[in-house]
Amino acid sequence: MKISKRLQMIASMVHTEHIIDVGCDHGLLDVFLAKTRNIHCLACDISDNALNHARENIKLYGMETLVQTLCTDGLTGVQVTKDDTVILSGMGTHTVIHILEKRNDVEQCIISTHTDVPYLRDWMNQNGFAIQDECFILEHGIAYVIISFSKKEIQYDESDYEIGPILKTNLSYLTYLLNETQKIYQKIPLTHKIQKEKLKEKIDMIKFCIKKAK
């Protein structure tokens, strides 16, 4: 079966025999993991309509014994064990945090969010998580950052939060991030001095990382 590069990247980060896919949408990640790696999946979504599409795909590929579905808000009513990987993909950082701050039993998770990634890294670290892996992918002109976390105490510096402890050695990501940050910097009026100064600091930080990564 064929899935997007983003979902392939998420799948490559799974190292447990069971996943809980929050916001599963059409359930293609779950079906792929079940079909190719015999992984047990719980596909969750707040939308019963989305779950109906997921159920169709589960049935289409004959994965009913490995993939179950649950209509719920976030992780409400879901039992999480230390051997589960929780996947939170396709939602904003503040939604992800809203889901995780209600639980203290999540020990491994993979997050693909489209907003406030530095804030996500900071919040996760403040709540006892360390970054295990980070990936960057451009698909159909859309940039995705995917991060794998596990429970572990570790200290990071500012560039680890802002760019990523692993991604700050990734020249492809650094080049993309520099270009996007410079575009934003140019659009900000000169009167917004504090905002421009912060972005200039970020640009300098990215340039320093590029120099070290070469």
Protein backbone atom coordinates (compact mmCIF):
# COMPACT_ATOMS: atom_id res chain seq x y z
CA MET A 1 0.00 0.00 0.00
CA LYS A 2 1.08 3.58 -0.64
CA ILE A 3 1.14 6.27 2.05
CA SER A 4 2.53 9.81 2.14
CA LYS A 5 6.18 10.51 2.87
CA ARG A 6 5.13 12.19 6.11
CA LEU A 7 3.33 9.06 7.30
CA GLN A 8 6.27 6.91 6.20
CA MET A 9 8.56 9.09 8.30
CA ILE A 10 6.29 8.77 11.33
CA ALA A 11 6.10 4.99 10.82
CA SER A 12 9.90 4.75 10.73
CA MET A 13 10.06 6.30 14.22
CA VAL A 14 7.81 3.64 15.80
CA HIS A 15 9.81 1.17 17.89
CA THR A 16 7.06 -0.48 19.94
CA GLU A 17 4.61 -3.27 19.15
CA HIS A 18 1.58 -1.12 19.97
CA ILE A 19 0.60 2.41 19.03
CA ILE A 20 -2.20 4.78 19.95
CA ASP A 21 -2.87 7.07 17.00
CA VAL A 22 -4.63 10.23 18.22
CA GLY A 23 -6.38 12.05 15.38
CA CYS A 24 -5.99 9.07 13.06
CA ASP A 25 -8.03 10.61 10.23
CA HIS A 26 -8.33 7.91 7.53
CA GLY A 27 -6.29 5.41 9.56
CA LEU A 28 -3.73 4.82 6.80
CA LEU A 29 -0.76 5.01 9.20
CA ASP A 30 -2.35 2.35 11.40
CA VAL A 31 -3.16 0.08 8.48
CA PHE A 32 0.37 0.48 7.12
CA LEU A 33 2.01 -0.38 10.45
CA ALA A 34 -0.29 -3.35 10.97
CA LYS A 35 0.17 -4.66 7.43
CA THR A 36 3.93 -4.18 7.11
CA ARG A 37 5.13 -4.67 10.69
CA ASN A 38 2.35 -6.57 12.48
CA ILE A 39 1.92 -3.71 14.97
CA HIS A 40 -1.25 -3.47 17.07
CA CYS A 41 -2.93 -0.08 16.67
CA LEU A 42 -5.69 1.86 18.36
CA ALA A 43 -6.92 4.47 15.90
CA CYS A 44 -8.62 7.35 17.74
CA ASP A 45 -10.43 10.38 16.40
CA ILE A 46 -12.95 12.88 17.72
CA SER A 47 -14.79 12.64 14.38
CA ASP A 48 -16.92 9.56 13.82
CA ASN A 49 -16.98 10.44 10.12
CA ALA A 50 -13.17 10.20 10.00
CA LEU A 51 -13.33 6.90 11.85
CA ASN A 52 -15.80 5.56 9.30
CA HIS A 53 -13.19 6.22 6.60
CA ALA A 54 -10.59 4.54 8.81
CA ARG A 55 -12.84 1.52 9.30
CA GLU A 56 -13.27 1.24 5.52
CA ASN A 57 -9.49 1.21 5.03
CA ILE A 58 -9.00 -1.28 7.87
CA LYS A 59 -11.53 -3.61 6.24
CA LEU A 60 -10.13 -3.02 2.74
CA TYR A 61 -6.69 -4.28 3.79
CA GLY A 62 -8.03 -6.98 6.13
CA MET A 63 -6.45 -5.53 9.27
CA GLU A 64 -9.45 -5.86 11.61
CA THR A 65 -7.58 -8.07 14.10
CA LEU A 66 -4.68 -5.62 14.46
CA VAL A 67 -6.36 -2.21 14.22
CA GLN A 68 -9.18 -1.14 16.54
CA THR A 69 -10.95 2.23 16.45
CA LEU A 70 -12.26 4.52 19.16
CA CYS A 71 -14.24 7.74 18.85
CA THR A 72 -12.93 9.98 21.63
CA ASP A 73 -11.50 13.41 22.39
CA GLY A 74 -7.71 13.10 22.59
CA LEU A 75 -6.78 10.32 25.02
CA THR A 76 -10.04 10.42 26.99
CA GLY A 77 -10.94 6.89 28.05
CA VAL A 78 -7.72 5.43 26.59
CA GLN A 79 -5.45 3.26 28.72
CA VAL A 80 -1.78 3.97 28.02
CA THR A 81 1.03 1.64 29.11
CA LYS A 82 4.80 2.15 29.14
CA ASP A 83 5.03 -0.05 26.04
CA ASP A 84 2.71 2.15 23.95
CA THR A 85 3.81 4.83 21.52
CA VAL A 86 1.28 7.66 21.35
CA ILE A 87 1.17 9.41 17.98
CA LEU A 88 -0.21 12.94 17.76
CA SER A 89 -0.16 14.18 14.19
CA GLY A 90 -1.85 16.88 12.13
CA MET A 91 -2.85 19.19 14.98
CA GLY A 92 -1.45 22.37 16.50
CA THR A 93 1.03 22.44 19.36
CA HIS A 94 -1.46 23.86 21.86
CA THR A 95 -3.92 21.07 21.04
CA VAL A 96 -1.17 18.50 21.57
CA ILE A 97 -0.25 20.05 24.91
CA HIS A 98 -3.91 20.19 25.95
CA ILE A 99 -4.11 16.44 25.36
CA LEU A 100 -0.83 15.54 27.09
CA GLU A 101 -1.15 17.81 30.14
CA LYS A 102 -4.15 15.75 31.28
CA ARG A 103 -2.04 12.57 31.40
CA ASN A 104 1.05 11.45 33.27
CA ASP A 105 1.16 7.92 31.84
CA VAL A 106 2.52 8.73 28.37
CA GLU A 107 6.17 7.68 28.19
CA GLN A 108 6.77 7.58 24.45
CA CYS A 109 5.22 9.75 21.78
CA ILE A 110 5.73 10.93 18.23
CA ILE A 111 4.45 14.41 17.42
CA SER A 112 3.98 16.09 14.06
CA THR A 113 2.60 19.56 14.62
CA HIS A 114 2.35 22.52 12.26
CA THR A 115 2.64 25.36 14.80
CA ASP A 116 4.99 26.62 17.54
CA VAL A 117 7.53 23.78 17.35
CA PRO A 118 10.10 25.56 19.62
CA TYR A 119 7.39 25.99 22.27
CA LEU A 120 6.51 22.31 21.93
CA ARG A 121 10.12 21.26 22.54
CA ASP A 122 10.33 23.55 25.57
CA TRP A 123 7.05 22.34 27.08
CA MET A 124 7.88 18.68 26.54
CA ASN A 125 11.29 19.12 28.17
CA GLN A 126 9.78 20.98 31.13
CA ASN A 127 7.45 18.02 31.57
CA GLY A 128 10.13 15.37 31.66
CA PHE A 129 10.56 14.41 28.00
CA ALA A 130 13.74 14.18 25.95
CA ILE A 131 13.98 14.27 22.17
CA GLN A 132 14.92 10.89 20.72
CA ASP A 133 14.73 11.75 17.04
CA GLU A 134 13.73 14.59 14.73
CA CYS A 135 12.95 14.60 11.03
CA PHE A 136 12.14 17.28 8.48
CA ILE A 137 10.30 16.68 5.25
CA LEU A 138 8.85 18.84 2.48
CA GLU A 139 5.83 17.31 0.78
CA HIS A 140 3.65 19.11 -1.75
CA GLY A 141 5.25 22.38 -0.70
CA ILE A 142 4.35 21.88 2.96
CA ALA A 143 7.07 21.60 5.62
CA TYR A 144 6.71 19.01 8.37
CA VAL A 145 8.80 18.59 11.51
CA ILE A 146 8.32 15.24 13.23
CA ILE A 147 9.73 14.65 16.71
CA SER A 148 9.99 11.50 18.78
CA PHE A 149 9.99 11.98 22.58
CA SER A 150 10.48 9.67 25.55
CA LYS A 151 10.46 10.19 29.29
CA LYS A 152 13.96 11.23 30.31
CA GLU A 153 15.55 14.16 32.13
CA ILE A 154 17.92 16.13 29.92
CA GLN A 155 19.02 19.75 29.59
CA TYR A 156 18.96 21.66 26.31
CA ASP A 157 20.30 25.02 25.22
CA GLU A 158 18.41 27.75 23.34
CA SER A 159 19.31 26.43 19.89
CA ASP A 160 17.99 22.98 20.86
CA TYR A 161 14.59 24.48 21.60
CA GLU A 162 14.54 26.89 18.68
CA ILE A 163 15.98 24.67 15.96
CA GLY A 164 16.23 21.20 17.46
CA PRO A 165 19.15 19.21 18.94
CA ILE A 166 19.17 16.86 15.94
CA LEU A 167 17.82 19.15 13.22
CA LYS A 168 20.46 21.79 13.95
CA THR A 169 22.91 19.50 12.13
CA ASN A 170 20.54 18.98 9.16
CA LEU A 171 21.66 21.33 6.37
CA SER A 172 18.47 20.84 4.36
CA TYR A 173 16.33 21.90 7.29
CA LEU A 174 18.65 24.73 8.30
CA THR A 175 18.61 26.16 4.78
CA TYR A 176 14.82 25.99 4.66
CA LEU A 177 14.48 27.54 8.12
CA LEU A 178 16.91 30.35 7.29
CA ASN A 179 15.03 31.25 4.11
CA GLU A 180 11.64 31.23 5.84
CA THR A 181 12.91 33.26 8.81
CA GLN A 182 14.51 35.84 6.54
CA LYS A 183 11.24 36.21 4.61
CA ILE A 184 9.37 36.91 7.85
CA TYR A 185 12.09 39.33 8.97
CA GLN A 186 11.80 41.35 5.76
CA LYS A 187 8.02 41.68 6.12
CA ILE A 188 8.13 43.09 9.66
CA PRO A 189 7.99 46.92 9.75
CA LEU A 190 11.04 48.76 11.09
CA THR A 191 8.86 50.18 13.87
CA HIS A 192 8.53 46.68 15.39
CA LYS A 193 12.05 46.78 16.76
CA ILE A 194 11.77 44.09 19.46
CA GLN A 195 10.25 41.56 17.07
CA LYS A 196 12.91 42.28 14.44
CA GLU A 197 15.69 41.97 17.00
CA LYS A 198 14.42 38.56 18.13
CA LEU A 199 14.23 37.33 14.55
CA LYS A 200 17.70 38.69 13.82
CA GLU A 201 19.01 36.68 16.78
CA LYS A 202 17.31 33.59 15.37
CA ILE A 203 18.81 34.22 11.91
CA ASP A 204 22.28 34.52 13.45
CA MET A 205 21.68 31.32 15.40
CA ILE A 206 20.68 29.43 12.25
CA LYS A 207 23.70 30.77 10.36
CA PHE A 208 25.98 29.61 13.18
CA CYS A 209 24.43 26.13 13.05
CA ILE A 210 24.87 26.02 9.25
CA LYS A 211 28.53 26.92 9.65
CA LYS A 212 29.03 24.14 12.21
CA ALA A 213 27.09 21.59 10.13
CA LYS A 214 29.15 22.10 6.97
